[in-house]
């Protein structure tokens, strides 16, 4: 695995810290070893906001996280990892058209 629990936690904390200036109510207070609690905290923070604001904050957090990841491992590999995580099957390489083969 390219990004283990420790790497994920580091990226997640960085994404939270970059998102907090826009949405200061986003918090990350659990000890870093408790990944499951991080999502429980995130859910609690998001549920405490109006739906549109929570959706906007969640979108920015995800975009920030994926941007950091893409900077570290490249866009193509980030897309492949996200597709795998989301259960999306990809044919060929990201960004390539099947007709190009």
C-alpha atoms as a PDB file:
ATOM      1  CA  UNK A   1       0.000   0.000   0.000  1.00  0.00           C
ATOM      2  CA  UNK A   2       1.346   3.415  -0.929  1.00  0.00           C
ATOM      3  CA  UNK A   3      -0.276   5.356   1.874  1.00  0.00           C
ATOM      4  CA  UNK A   4      -0.692   3.461   5.146  1.00  0.00           C
ATOM      5  CA  UNK A   5      -2.543   4.608   8.257  1.00  0.00           C
ATOM      6  CA  UNK A   6       0.286   6.895   9.327  1.00  0.00           C
ATOM      7  CA  UNK A   7       0.535   8.504   5.913  1.00  0.00           C
ATOM      8  CA  UNK A   8      -3.214   8.875   5.686  1.00  0.00           C
ATOM      9  CA  UNK A   9      -3.388  10.522   9.111  1.00  0.00           C
ATOM     10  CA  UNK A  10      -0.626  12.972   8.172  1.00  0.00           C
ATOM     11  CA  UNK A  11      -2.372  13.906   4.916  1.00  0.00           C
ATOM     12  CA  UNK A  12      -5.743  14.178   6.643  1.00  0.00           C
ATOM     13  CA  UNK A  13      -4.365  16.442   9.396  1.00  0.00           C
ATOM     14  CA  UNK A  14      -2.677  18.630   6.792  1.00  0.00           C
ATOM     15  CA  UNK A  15      -5.900  18.883   4.786  1.00  0.00           C
ATOM     16  CA  UNK A  16      -7.812  19.816   7.958  1.00  0.00           C
ATOM     17  CA  UNK A  17      -5.231  22.484   8.853  1.00  0.00           C
ATOM     18  CA  UNK A  18      -5.443  23.998   5.351  1.00  0.00           C
ATOM     19  CA  UNK A  19      -9.255  23.929   5.403  1.00  0.00           C
ATOM     20  CA  UNK A  20      -9.728  25.335   8.922  1.00  0.00           C
ATOM     21  CA  UNK A  21      -9.047  28.991   7.994  1.00  0.00           C
ATOM     22  CA  UNK A  22     -12.152  28.867   5.780  1.00  0.00           C
ATOM     23  CA  UNK A  23     -14.168  26.633   8.124  1.00  0.00           C
ATOM     24  CA  UNK A  24     -12.767  27.127  11.653  1.00  0.00           C
ATOM     25  CA  UNK A  25     -15.332  24.756  13.148  1.00  0.00           C
ATOM     26  CA  UNK A  26     -13.591  21.780  11.491  1.00  0.00           C
ATOM     27  CA  UNK A  27     -11.663  20.112  14.286  1.00  0.00           C
ATOM     28  CA  UNK A  28      -9.071  17.391  14.592  1.00  0.00           C
ATOM     29  CA  UNK A  29      -8.531  16.703  18.281  1.00  0.00           C
ATOM     30  CA  UNK A  30      -8.260  12.895  18.517  1.00  0.00           C
ATOM     31  CA  UNK A  31      -4.865  11.298  19.016  1.00  0.00           C
ATOM     32  CA  UNK A  32      -3.352  10.576  15.582  1.00  0.00           C
ATOM     33  CA  UNK A  33      -3.535   6.800  16.086  1.00  0.00           C
ATOM     34  CA  UNK A  34      -7.330   6.774  16.194  1.00  0.00           C
ATOM     35  CA  UNK A  35      -8.343   6.961  12.526  1.00  0.00           C
ATOM     36  CA  UNK A  36     -11.949   5.898  13.168  1.00  0.00           C
ATOM     37  CA  UNK A  37     -12.405   8.744  15.653  1.00  0.00           C
ATOM     38  CA  UNK A  38     -11.239  11.254  13.057  1.00  0.00           C
ATOM     39  CA  UNK A  39     -14.224  10.464  10.881  1.00  0.00           C
ATOM     40  CA  UNK A  40     -16.540  10.513  13.899  1.00  0.00           C
ATOM     41  CA  UNK A  41     -15.202  14.002  14.690  1.00  0.00           C
ATOM     42  CA  UNK A  42     -15.639  15.082  11.086  1.00  0.00           C
ATOM     43  CA  UNK A  43     -19.211  13.796  10.998  1.00  0.00           C
ATOM     44  CA  UNK A  44     -19.996  15.634  14.253  1.00  0.00           C
ATOM     45  CA  UNK A  45     -18.494  18.864  12.902  1.00  0.00           C
ATOM     46  CA  UNK A  46     -20.387  18.599   9.624  1.00  0.00           C
ATOM     47  CA  UNK A  47     -23.697  17.646  11.267  1.00  0.00           C
ATOM     48  CA  UNK A  48     -23.482  20.779  13.412  1.00  0.00           C
ATOM     49  CA  UNK A  49     -23.668  22.997  10.333  1.00  0.00           C
ATOM     50  CA  UNK A  50     -26.392  23.791   7.799  1.00  0.00           C
ATOM     51  CA  UNK A  51     -26.373  21.187   4.990  1.00  0.00           C
ATOM     52  CA  UNK A  52     -25.095  23.561   2.274  1.00  0.00           C
ATOM     53  CA  UNK A  53     -22.234  24.773   4.465  1.00  0.00           C
ATOM     54  CA  UNK A  54     -21.342  21.217   5.516  1.00  0.00           C
ATOM     55  CA  UNK A  55     -21.322  20.083   1.873  1.00  0.00           C
ATOM     56  CA  UNK A  56     -19.082  22.991   0.854  1.00  0.00           C
ATOM     57  CA  UNK A  57     -16.653  22.307   3.709  1.00  0.00           C
ATOM     58  CA  UNK A  58     -16.581  18.583   2.944  1.00  0.00           C
ATOM     59  CA  UNK A  59     -15.922  19.278  -0.751  1.00  0.00           C
ATOM     60  CA  UNK A  60     -13.061  21.641   0.099  1.00  0.00           C
ATOM     61  CA  UNK A  61     -11.579  19.133   2.554  1.00  0.00           C
ATOM     62  CA  UNK A  62     -11.699  16.332  -0.032  1.00  0.00           C
ATOM     63  CA  UNK A  63     -10.255  18.569  -2.765  1.00  0.00           C
ATOM     64  CA  UNK A  64      -7.479  19.698  -0.429  1.00  0.00           C
ATOM     65  CA  UNK A  65      -6.688  16.115   0.580  1.00  0.00           C
ATOM     66  CA  UNK A  66      -6.560  14.907  -3.026  1.00  0.00           C
ATOM     67  CA  UNK A  67      -4.469  17.904  -4.106  1.00  0.00           C
ATOM     68  CA  UNK A  68      -1.894  17.117  -1.405  1.00  0.00           C
ATOM     69  CA  UNK A  69      -1.878  13.455  -2.393  1.00  0.00           C
ATOM     70  CA  UNK A  70      -1.523  14.300  -6.096  1.00  0.00           C
ATOM     71  CA  UNK A  71       1.404  16.573  -5.298  1.00  0.00           C
ATOM     72  CA  UNK A  72       3.145  13.715  -3.520  1.00  0.00           C
ATOM     73  CA  UNK A  73       2.410  10.769  -5.838  1.00  0.00           C
ATOM     74  CA  UNK A  74       1.133  12.315  -9.057  1.00  0.00           C
ATOM     75  CA  UNK A  75      -2.311  12.907 -10.487  1.00  0.00           C
ATOM     76  CA  UNK A  76      -2.652   9.626 -12.395  1.00  0.00           C
ATOM     77  CA  UNK A  77      -1.823   7.476  -9.371  1.00  0.00           C
ATOM     78  CA  UNK A  78      -4.097   9.587  -7.161  1.00  0.00           C
ATOM     79  CA  UNK A  79      -6.977   9.048  -9.597  1.00  0.00           C
ATOM     80  CA  UNK A  80      -6.307   5.294  -9.651  1.00  0.00           C
ATOM     81  CA  UNK A  81      -6.252   5.161  -5.839  1.00  0.00           C
ATOM     82  CA  UNK A  82      -9.486   7.125  -5.559  1.00  0.00           C
ATOM     83  CA  UNK A  83     -11.202   4.951  -8.148  1.00  0.00           C
ATOM     84  CA  UNK A  84     -10.106   1.858  -6.239  1.00  0.00           C
ATOM     85  CA  UNK A  85     -11.261   3.331  -2.921  1.00  0.00           C
ATOM     86  CA  UNK A  86     -14.634   4.275  -4.399  1.00  0.00           C
ATOM     87  CA  UNK A  87     -15.071   0.947  -6.211  1.00  0.00           C
ATOM     88  CA  UNK A  88     -14.920   2.481  -9.673  1.00  0.00           C
ATOM     89  CA  UNK A  89     -13.503   0.192 -12.324  1.00  0.00           C
ATOM     90  CA  UNK A  90     -11.156   1.872 -14.749  1.00  0.00           C
ATOM     91  CA  UNK A  91     -10.212   0.638 -18.174  1.00  0.00           C
ATOM     92  CA  UNK A  92      -6.662   1.376 -19.201  1.00  0.00           C
ATOM     93  CA  UNK A  93      -4.745   4.308 -17.813  1.00  0.00           C
ATOM     94  CA  UNK A  94      -6.474   7.412 -16.428  1.00  0.00           C
ATOM     95  CA  UNK A  95      -6.845  10.083 -19.047  1.00  0.00           C
ATOM     96  CA  UNK A  96      -6.430   7.684 -21.951  1.00  0.00           C
ATOM     97  CA  UNK A  97      -9.137   6.992 -24.444  1.00  0.00           C
ATOM     98  CA  UNK A  98      -9.663   3.343 -25.385  1.00  0.00           C
ATOM     99  CA  UNK A  99      -9.458   4.369 -29.041  1.00  0.00           C
ATOM    100  CA  UNK A 100      -5.842   5.495 -28.520  1.00  0.00           C
ATOM    101  CA  UNK A 101      -4.676   1.895 -28.130  1.00  0.00           C
END
